[in-house]
Structures are given as structure tokens and as C-alpha cells.
Protein backbone atom coordinates (compact mmCIF):
# COMPACT_ATOMS: atom_id res chain seq x y z
CA MET A 1 49.33 -128.52 -21.28
CA MET A 2 45.92 -127.04 -20.47
CA LEU A 3 44.70 -127.72 -23.98
CA ILE A 4 45.39 -131.44 -23.74
CA ARG A 5 44.05 -131.60 -20.16
CA ASP A 6 40.77 -130.08 -21.29
CA ARG A 7 40.25 -133.09 -23.57
CA PHE A 8 40.03 -135.49 -20.57
CA PRO A 9 37.05 -134.69 -18.31
CA ILE A 10 38.18 -136.57 -15.20
CA LEU A 11 41.17 -134.21 -14.81
CA SER A 12 38.83 -131.35 -13.86
CA LYS A 13 37.40 -133.45 -11.04
CA LYS A 14 40.28 -135.55 -9.68
CA THR A 15 44.03 -135.88 -9.52
CA TYR A 16 44.17 -138.93 -11.75
CA LEU A 17 47.37 -140.99 -11.53
CA ALA A 18 46.16 -144.55 -12.22
CA ASN A 19 46.83 -144.68 -15.97
CA HIS A 20 48.64 -148.03 -15.62
CA SER A 21 45.25 -149.54 -14.73
CA LEU A 22 42.70 -147.45 -16.65
CA GLY A 23 43.55 -144.43 -18.75
CA ALA A 24 41.43 -141.29 -18.62
CA VAL A 25 38.64 -141.27 -21.19
CA PRO A 26 38.84 -138.49 -23.80
CA ALA A 27 35.71 -136.37 -24.16
CA SER A 28 35.60 -137.21 -27.86
CA ALA A 29 34.85 -140.87 -27.04
CA GLU A 30 31.27 -139.83 -26.25
CA ALA A 31 30.72 -138.65 -29.83
CA SER A 32 32.41 -141.76 -31.19
CA LEU A 33 30.05 -144.03 -29.25
CA LYS A 34 27.12 -141.88 -30.34
CA LYS A 35 28.28 -142.40 -33.93
CA TYR A 36 28.11 -146.17 -33.38
CA PHE A 37 24.55 -145.83 -32.09
CA ASP A 38 23.53 -143.58 -34.98
CA GLU A 39 24.93 -146.02 -37.54
CA TRP A 40 23.08 -148.88 -35.89
CA SER A 41 19.80 -146.94 -35.67
CA ASN A 42 19.98 -145.56 -39.22
CA LEU A 43 21.60 -148.39 -41.16
CA GLY A 44 20.69 -151.53 -39.24
CA ILE A 45 22.32 -154.57 -40.80
CA LEU A 46 23.87 -152.40 -43.52
CA ALA A 47 26.26 -151.00 -40.91
CA TRP A 48 28.22 -154.25 -41.12
CA ASP A 49 29.02 -153.78 -44.79
CA GLY A 50 30.08 -150.18 -44.27
CA PRO A 51 31.19 -148.30 -41.16
CA TRP A 52 31.51 -151.21 -38.74
CA PHE A 53 33.81 -153.22 -40.95
CA GLU A 54 35.73 -150.04 -41.71
CA MET A 55 36.17 -149.44 -37.97
CA ILE A 56 37.90 -152.82 -37.66
CA ARG A 57 40.37 -151.69 -40.29
CA GLU A 58 40.79 -148.21 -38.79
CA PHE A 59 41.42 -149.57 -35.28
CA SER A 60 44.01 -152.02 -36.63
CA LYS A 61 45.71 -149.25 -38.61
CA GLU A 62 46.02 -147.00 -35.54
CA ILE A 63 47.49 -149.86 -33.50
CA GLU A 64 49.94 -150.69 -36.31
CA PHE A 65 51.12 -147.08 -36.20
CA VAL A 66 51.66 -147.07 -32.44
CA LEU A 67 53.55 -150.41 -32.66
CA GLY A 68 55.68 -149.46 -35.66
CA ALA A 69 54.12 -152.48 -37.39
CA SER A 70 53.68 -153.21 -41.08
CA VAL A 71 50.27 -152.69 -42.65
CA GLY A 72 48.05 -155.75 -42.36
CA THR A 73 49.75 -157.31 -39.31
CA VAL A 74 47.32 -156.31 -36.52
CA VAL A 75 43.84 -157.58 -35.77
CA PRO A 76 41.41 -156.70 -32.95
CA MET A 77 41.01 -159.04 -29.99
CA GLU A 78 38.56 -158.72 -27.13
CA ASN A 79 41.42 -159.15 -24.64
CA VAL A 80 44.92 -160.56 -24.20
CA THR A 81 43.67 -164.00 -23.19
CA ARG A 82 41.81 -164.22 -26.46
CA GLY A 83 45.02 -163.24 -28.26
CA PHE A 84 46.87 -166.00 -26.43
CA SER A 85 44.28 -168.47 -27.72
CA ALA A 86 44.77 -167.40 -31.32
CA VAL A 87 48.54 -167.81 -31.06
CA ALA A 88 48.61 -171.04 -29.06
CA SER A 89 46.13 -172.75 -31.38
CA SER A 90 48.27 -171.95 -34.42
CA LEU A 91 51.45 -173.68 -33.21
CA ASP A 92 52.67 -177.26 -33.68
CA TRP A 93 52.71 -178.84 -30.24
CA LYS A 94 53.76 -182.28 -31.54
CA GLY A 95 57.18 -181.28 -32.85
CA ARG A 96 60.49 -182.77 -31.72
CA ALA A 97 63.73 -181.09 -30.69
CA ALA A 98 67.12 -182.16 -32.08
CA ASN A 99 67.58 -184.44 -29.05
CA GLY A 100 64.35 -186.26 -29.89
CA LYS A 101 62.45 -184.84 -26.94
CA PRO A 102 59.17 -182.94 -27.40
CA LYS A 103 59.59 -179.33 -28.52
CA ASN A 104 56.75 -178.01 -26.41
CA LYS A 105 58.27 -176.07 -23.52
CA ILE A 106 56.50 -172.84 -22.50
CA ILE A 107 58.67 -170.37 -20.58
CA LEU A 108 57.05 -167.86 -18.22
CA THR A 109 58.51 -165.57 -15.59
CA SER A 110 57.20 -165.19 -12.05
CA LEU A 111 56.20 -161.58 -12.78
CA GLU A 112 53.62 -162.03 -15.54
CA PHE A 113 50.13 -160.62 -15.24
CA ILE A 114 47.85 -163.12 -13.55
CA THR A 115 45.96 -164.14 -16.72
CA SER A 116 49.11 -165.79 -18.13
CA TYR A 117 49.31 -168.55 -15.55
CA PRO A 118 45.85 -170.17 -15.77
CA PHE A 119 45.89 -169.84 -19.56
CA TRP A 120 49.29 -171.38 -20.27
CA GLN A 121 49.03 -173.97 -17.51
CA GLY A 122 45.63 -175.02 -18.83
CA TRP A 123 46.88 -175.07 -22.39
CA ALA A 124 49.88 -177.19 -21.39
CA GLU A 125 47.60 -179.75 -19.77
CA MET A 126 45.40 -179.83 -22.85
CA VAL A 127 48.20 -180.43 -25.39
CA GLY A 128 50.68 -182.29 -23.19
CA ALA A 129 53.19 -179.44 -23.01
CA ARG A 130 55.18 -178.29 -20.01
CA VAL A 131 55.54 -174.90 -18.35
CA VAL A 132 58.83 -173.69 -16.90
CA GLN A 133 58.88 -170.58 -14.72
CA VAL A 134 61.91 -168.30 -14.31
CA GLU A 135 61.90 -166.65 -10.90
CA SER A 136 62.52 -163.03 -9.97
CA PRO A 137 64.97 -162.58 -7.09
CA ASP A 138 63.61 -159.17 -6.06
CA GLY A 139 60.01 -158.95 -7.27
CA ILE A 140 60.99 -156.11 -9.61
CA SER A 141 62.54 -157.82 -12.63
CA VAL A 142 63.88 -161.14 -13.89
CA PRO A 143 67.60 -161.32 -14.73
CA LEU A 144 67.87 -161.43 -18.52
CA GLU A 145 70.65 -164.00 -18.37
CA ASP A 146 68.46 -166.37 -16.34
CA LEU A 147 65.66 -166.20 -18.90
CA LEU A 148 67.99 -166.58 -21.88
CA ALA A 149 69.64 -169.60 -20.26
CA GLU A 150 66.27 -171.36 -19.99
CA ILE A 151 65.52 -171.01 -23.73
CA ASP A 152 66.75 -174.20 -25.37
CA ASP A 153 65.97 -176.56 -28.26
CA GLU A 154 62.92 -177.91 -26.44
CA THR A 155 61.35 -174.44 -26.14
CA LEU A 156 58.38 -173.71 -28.38
CA ILE A 157 57.23 -170.32 -27.09
CA VAL A 158 58.15 -167.63 -24.58
CA PRO A 159 55.05 -165.59 -23.65
CA THR A 160 56.32 -162.73 -21.54
CA SER A 161 55.73 -159.10 -20.57
CA HIS A 162 57.37 -156.15 -22.27
CA VAL A 163 56.82 -154.20 -19.04
CA TYR A 164 56.05 -155.96 -15.76
CA PHE A 165 52.71 -154.88 -14.30
CA ARG A 166 53.87 -155.18 -10.70
CA SER A 167 56.96 -152.97 -10.94
CA GLY A 168 57.00 -151.09 -14.24
CA ALA A 169 60.36 -152.64 -15.18
CA ILE A 170 61.08 -152.99 -18.90
CA GLN A 171 62.16 -156.35 -20.25
CA ASP A 172 64.54 -156.71 -23.22
CA LEU A 173 62.22 -158.43 -25.70
CA GLN A 174 64.67 -157.98 -28.56
CA ALA A 175 67.36 -160.01 -26.78
CA ILE A 176 64.81 -162.66 -25.81
CA THR A 177 63.57 -162.89 -29.40
CA ARG A 178 67.11 -163.14 -30.75
CA ARG A 179 67.85 -166.10 -28.46
CA ALA A 180 64.50 -167.78 -29.14
CA HIS A 181 65.02 -167.62 -32.89
CA GLU A 182 68.39 -169.34 -32.50
CA VAL A 183 66.50 -172.44 -31.36
CA ASN A 184 63.46 -171.99 -33.65
CA ALA A 185 61.19 -170.88 -30.81
CA TYR A 186 58.59 -168.10 -30.80
CA VAL A 187 58.22 -165.06 -28.55
CA LEU A 188 54.86 -163.56 -27.63
CA GLY A 189 55.18 -160.14 -26.02
CA ASP A 190 52.53 -158.78 -23.68
CA GLY A 191 52.48 -155.04 -24.31
CA TYR A 192 49.65 -153.99 -22.02
CA GLN A 193 51.98 -151.93 -19.79
CA SER A 194 54.15 -150.62 -22.63
CA VAL A 195 51.96 -149.56 -25.56
CA GLY A 196 51.09 -145.90 -25.25
CA ILE A 197 53.79 -144.96 -22.72
CA ILE A 198 57.08 -146.09 -24.29
CA PRO A 199 58.05 -146.23 -27.97
CA VAL A 200 57.54 -149.74 -29.40
CA ASP A 201 58.97 -151.08 -32.66
CA VAL A 202 57.83 -154.65 -33.21
CA VAL A 203 59.57 -154.85 -36.60
CA LYS A 204 62.93 -153.88 -35.12
CA MET A 205 62.45 -156.35 -32.29
CA GLU A 206 61.65 -159.08 -34.85
CA ILE A 207 59.17 -160.40 -32.31
CA ASP A 208 56.74 -163.05 -33.53
CA PHE A 209 53.57 -162.01 -31.69
CA TYR A 210 52.58 -159.02 -29.59
CA VAL A 211 49.35 -158.58 -27.66
CA GLY A 212 47.88 -155.75 -25.66
CA GLY A 213 44.82 -153.66 -25.05
CA SER A 214 43.51 -150.13 -25.07
CA HIS A 215 42.22 -149.42 -21.60
CA LYS A 216 45.50 -148.44 -19.94
CA TRP A 217 48.02 -146.08 -21.55
CA LEU A 218 46.02 -145.87 -24.79
CA CYS A 219 43.01 -144.36 -22.94
CA GLY A 220 40.61 -146.54 -24.89
CA GLY A 221 38.45 -148.46 -22.44
CA ALA A 222 37.88 -152.19 -22.03
CA GLY A 223 37.21 -154.81 -24.71
CA ALA A 224 39.49 -153.40 -27.43
CA GLY A 225 42.55 -155.63 -27.36
CA PHE A 226 44.79 -156.50 -30.27
CA LEU A 227 47.18 -159.09 -31.69
CA TYR A 228 50.21 -158.38 -33.87
CA VAL A 229 51.64 -161.22 -35.96
CA ARG A 230 55.02 -160.97 -37.70
CA GLU A 231 54.33 -160.53 -41.40
CA SER A 232 56.31 -163.58 -42.50
CA LEU A 233 54.30 -165.83 -40.16
CA ILE A 234 50.79 -164.82 -41.17
CA GLY A 235 50.48 -167.12 -44.18
CA ARG A 236 52.34 -169.99 -42.51
CA LEU A 237 50.21 -170.35 -39.38
CA GLU A 238 46.61 -171.50 -39.23
CA PRO A 239 44.83 -171.00 -35.89
CA LYS A 240 42.62 -173.89 -34.80
CA PHE A 241 40.74 -171.57 -32.48
CA SER A 242 38.83 -169.91 -35.27
CA GLY A 243 35.39 -168.72 -36.31
CA TRP A 244 33.51 -167.02 -39.08
CA PHE A 245 35.53 -163.78 -39.01
CA GLY A 246 38.71 -165.81 -39.47
CA ILE A 247 37.71 -167.56 -42.67
CA GLU A 248 37.80 -166.56 -46.30
CA ASN A 249 34.55 -164.93 -47.47
CA PRO A 250 32.72 -165.06 -44.11
CA PHE A 251 29.61 -163.36 -45.48
CA GLU A 252 29.13 -165.95 -48.25
CA TYR A 253 27.82 -168.53 -45.73
CA GLU A 254 29.20 -171.40 -47.81
CA PRO A 255 28.12 -174.85 -46.54
CA THR A 256 31.31 -176.89 -46.13
CA THR A 257 33.14 -179.05 -43.61
CA ARG A 258 36.53 -177.49 -44.35
CA PHE A 259 36.80 -173.72 -44.27
CA LYS A 260 39.73 -171.90 -45.81
CA PRO A 261 41.33 -169.33 -43.50
CA SER A 262 41.52 -165.70 -44.51
CA ASP A 263 44.59 -164.86 -46.58
CA GLY A 264 45.67 -162.15 -44.16
CA VAL A 265 45.92 -161.48 -40.45
CA MET A 266 42.12 -161.74 -40.13
CA ARG A 267 42.66 -165.52 -39.97
CA PHE A 268 43.58 -165.01 -36.31
CA MET A 269 40.10 -163.72 -35.51
CA ALA A 270 37.32 -166.04 -34.45
CA GLY A 271 33.80 -164.79 -33.79
CA THR A 272 32.19 -161.37 -34.10
CA PRO A 273 34.46 -158.60 -32.73
CA SER A 274 33.32 -156.16 -30.07
CA VAL A 275 32.53 -153.28 -32.40
CA PRO A 276 31.31 -150.77 -29.74
CA ALA A 277 34.57 -151.26 -27.84
CA LEU A 278 36.50 -150.24 -30.96
CA TYR A 279 34.43 -147.05 -31.26
CA ALA A 280 35.15 -146.29 -27.60
CA ALA A 281 38.87 -146.96 -27.98
CA ILE A 282 39.71 -145.25 -31.24
CA GLU A 283 39.71 -141.68 -29.90
CA GLY A 284 42.27 -142.32 -27.16
CA ILE A 285 44.58 -144.16 -29.56
CA ARG A 286 44.35 -141.32 -32.06
CA ILE A 287 45.30 -138.77 -29.42
CA VAL A 288 48.30 -140.87 -28.34
CA ASN A 289 49.44 -141.11 -31.95
CA GLU A 290 48.80 -137.40 -32.44
CA TRP A 291 50.84 -136.51 -29.35
CA GLY A 292 53.68 -138.88 -30.31
CA LEU A 293 55.41 -141.58 -28.27
CA GLU A 294 58.78 -139.84 -28.11
CA LYS A 295 57.16 -136.76 -26.58
CA ILE A 296 55.03 -138.88 -24.24
CA ARG A 297 58.09 -140.85 -23.12
CA ALA A 298 60.14 -137.73 -22.35
CA HIS A 299 57.31 -136.21 -20.29
CA SER A 300 56.76 -139.50 -18.47
CA LEU A 301 60.43 -139.82 -17.52
CA GLU A 302 60.43 -136.29 -16.12
CA LEU A 303 57.42 -136.98 -13.89
CA THR A 304 58.47 -140.47 -12.77
CA GLU A 305 61.96 -139.16 -11.95
CA SER A 306 60.29 -136.59 -9.70
CA ILE A 307 58.19 -139.27 -7.96
CA ILE A 308 61.25 -141.42 -7.25
CA SER A 309 63.22 -138.44 -5.94
CA GLU A 310 60.38 -137.33 -3.65
CA ALA A 311 59.92 -140.89 -2.34
CA LEU A 312 63.61 -141.30 -1.53
CA ASP A 313 63.65 -137.92 0.21
CA ARG A 314 60.95 -139.31 2.53
CA ASN A 315 62.80 -142.65 3.01
CA ILE A 316 59.95 -144.43 1.20
CA GLU A 317 60.88 -147.67 -0.53
CA VAL A 318 60.78 -147.56 -4.33
CA LYS A 319 59.98 -150.90 -5.99
CA THR A 320 60.54 -149.71 -9.56
CA PRO A 321 63.90 -149.49 -11.38
CA LYS A 322 65.54 -146.12 -10.80
CA LEU A 323 67.39 -146.12 -14.12
CA GLN A 324 65.33 -144.38 -16.79
CA ASN A 325 65.95 -146.92 -19.54
CA SER A 326 64.83 -149.74 -17.23
CA ARG A 327 61.38 -148.45 -16.28
CA ALA A 328 58.20 -147.53 -18.12
CA GLY A 329 55.55 -145.10 -16.84
CA MET A 330 54.65 -146.48 -13.42
CA VAL A 331 56.39 -146.04 -10.07
CA CYS A 332 55.68 -148.36 -7.14
CA ILE A 333 56.28 -147.02 -3.64
CA ASP A 334 55.73 -148.96 -0.44
CA PHE A 335 55.54 -148.16 3.25
CA PRO A 336 53.58 -149.49 6.24
CA LYS A 337 49.83 -149.21 5.70
CA ALA A 338 50.25 -148.21 2.06
CA LYS A 339 46.93 -149.89 1.28
CA GLU A 340 45.16 -147.68 3.82
CA ALA A 341 47.00 -144.67 2.37
CA THR A 342 45.50 -145.45 -1.04
CA ALA A 343 41.99 -145.18 0.41
CA PHE A 344 43.01 -141.98 2.25
CA LEU A 345 44.17 -140.47 -1.05
CA SER A 346 41.00 -141.52 -2.84
CA GLU A 347 38.87 -139.72 -0.26
CA ARG A 348 40.81 -136.57 -1.14
CA GLY A 349 40.34 -136.94 -4.88
CA VAL A 350 43.74 -138.47 -5.67
CA VAL A 351 43.36 -141.68 -7.67
CA VAL A 352 46.12 -144.31 -7.52
CA ASP A 353 45.96 -148.00 -6.65
CA TYR A 354 47.61 -150.61 -4.43
CA ARG A 355 48.96 -154.09 -5.16
CA PRO A 356 50.48 -156.58 -2.70
CA ASN A 357 54.27 -156.93 -2.98
CA CYS A 358 54.33 -153.61 -4.82
CA GLY A 359 52.66 -150.93 -2.77
CA ILE A 360 51.06 -147.82 -4.24
CA ARG A 361 51.27 -147.67 -8.02
CA VAL A 362 51.55 -144.12 -9.34
CA SER A 363 51.45 -143.51 -13.09
CA PRO A 364 51.34 -140.02 -14.58
CA HIS A 365 50.58 -139.77 -18.29
CA PHE A 366 51.09 -137.09 -20.95
CA TYR A 367 48.15 -135.04 -19.63
CA ASN A 368 49.41 -135.00 -16.03
CA ASN A 369 51.60 -132.24 -14.63
CA ALA A 370 53.68 -131.19 -11.64
CA GLU A 371 50.62 -129.93 -9.77
CA ASP A 372 49.12 -133.42 -9.91
CA LEU A 373 52.26 -134.77 -8.22
CA ARG A 374 52.13 -132.04 -5.57
CA ASN A 375 48.55 -133.06 -4.80
CA PHE A 376 49.64 -136.69 -4.53
CA TRP A 377 52.50 -135.95 -2.14
CA ALA A 378 50.34 -133.61 -0.05
CA GLY A 379 47.98 -136.55 0.44
CA VAL A 380 50.81 -138.97 1.28
CA ASP A 381 52.35 -136.52 3.74
CA GLY A 382 48.95 -135.99 5.32
CA PHE A 383 48.54 -139.72 5.82
CA LEU A 384 52.07 -140.18 7.17
CA SER A 385 51.56 -137.37 9.67
CA LEU A 386 48.72 -139.39 11.23
CA ARG A 387 50.94 -142.33 12.11
């Protein structure tokens, strides 16, 4: 354990348990970013034809590995919202269901990350679609049967979380995809809270699209998101939200009014990608792949089980599923003045965060250990003793 901990500098300074929000940066990211600078300073424009374009491929390959995806099905995105744009602009919003009504329904749950609502509501207004929201009865999860019941012939797409950011509950994307495909609808999974902490197999799920980013469980920093597209869909869909990196032969600068999209998944890109973000992210993703998701998952379950047990022993409310196969890597605990307790912990070098209707979010990763949890509970007990 000490060997892996030595690779993440913040662990020598703080008890870091906020990996659901921002993963610890590996020390090797410094050299990777320096490499980007050196290539820019030594090669100038020639860096595009060599190492920078290769980094786009390398980043995509590492993400494909962590997703269990086929080669050539992942492309970088600056963020999830940008990935939403690529997907939404590639769909037919003028289709009709068997009953003659528009096939343009967008199904969300009430537990999506906040970016989903303004994007899909705005998109619906723009194309004349409608958004339907399936409610959570407990703020932890959405009953699968309720979501499946809402998917009908008028549904075009279900953009929904693999793991809910507010509770850490896992959603059954395979069952959702199976139902959606029965009515010729698409599923777009948001994997921001799943990739890097639980094993993911997008091919087995048969999911159509999957988006996420690097700065949480992949320990990769901001600006290095990604989009997976099911292999059989890549050649059939043509995003309208496009740009020069999404067209065939972008460096030929051909004057034309009708550009041909790239033959592969690059057609889902638009403008110039954030190359420095890829250099920052690649080291964390490599370490996650090196460590292995099965091993990471087992360690995570051991630590989160301990957090839940300690919370219940103190009569602290747990707002995360207690069953192991229902939760990812985050545990939410809540008690009066939990927000103030978060600041109290921070002053003592214990880093977690607080969210309304959730409480304190605690998320150990593969480099955390039992001592980190003891430090966390010592801080909580110290705060509670003041009340």
C-alpha cells in the first residue's frame, strides 16, 4: 500500500477522501505535462502531426480499456456536456412512433447531475422535443420498474447516470438499455461516478453511448472527458454539432460547402481538443488500468463497508445503499450541522465534501487505507463532542 500511496503527493499532506469529486493527482502527471511543454517548445507546429495527435489516440485507447470497449469507439471530449451535444445532434428528432405521435421523448431521473437538466431542457425547446422526469421516492435511487415503465414507443433517448452523484447508488444500465432497444430508443450512460471505481463493460451492457471524465476516480484532472459510441452506430450517425476535427481529412483544408464526416468515431469531435488536459489525465488513467478495476472494487467495498458500519454504530444516517452490489465508491452520511462538520474536518487536514440532501460525501479510493478512515472518524467524533 505504501508504494502506491507514495505515487500521490497529497496523501503525505492530508487525509484525502474526496475522490468522488476530484481524484488525487499522481506525481507522474508533472512529467507528463512537462513533456507537453517540451514538445511544444521543441517542435512547434510539428507537434500536431506527431506526439499531440498520438496522445489523442493513446488517451482514447486507455479509456477503451477501462470501459471494456472495442478499439476505435472512444473519442476525447472536453466535458460531459460537450459529449451530450455530440450525441443529441446526431439523432433524428423528427421521427414518428407507431401511434403516429412524435418519437422525441427524453427521459431523465430526478437524481441526475445538474448539467443534465439545463442541457436536455434547452435541447428539447430547440428541437420541439419533450422531457419526462422519473422521480426518486427517497433521494437515494430511482425504482428501476418506474423508469422502465416510462420507456415507450415515443421515447428517443434515455440519458441517465450509471452511478448517482448524490448517493453513490448504482443504476442497472443493462436493464434500461434492454428495454429501450425494445422500442428502438437509445440510452446514454453518464459514467462520471462509475469509471475508475467499479468495473464497467459497455459492450456487455450493449449501451449506445457512454460519457464521463477523468477528474474523479480516474485521477486525471479537468478537461479530459470522453464519449463512447456503440460500434454499430458509428457509421450510421452523423453529428450536426461538428467541426474540423470531426471531418474527413481535416488538415487538407479543402474549400467546400459540404464536408464529409470522418469514417470513424472521430466524427463525433468538433473543434480542437484540449491536448494539455489529455497529458495531465493520462497518468492517472494508466495507474487505474495498471492496478485493475476488480482489485480497486474489492478494496473500495472493504473501506465503504467500514464507513457504513462506523456511521450506524454512531446512529448517523447513511444515505447510500447498504448492499454492496447497489453502491459504488462513495458513502453519504448526514447529521445535524454536517456542513459545519465538513469545514471542521478540513481544518484538521481531512478532505471530504458536503451536498444538500446528502450530507458529507466520503469516498476512499485504492490508495486510501484504514488509517485514513480512523483520521476521518476522529474528526467527526471531535466535532460531535462539541455539540
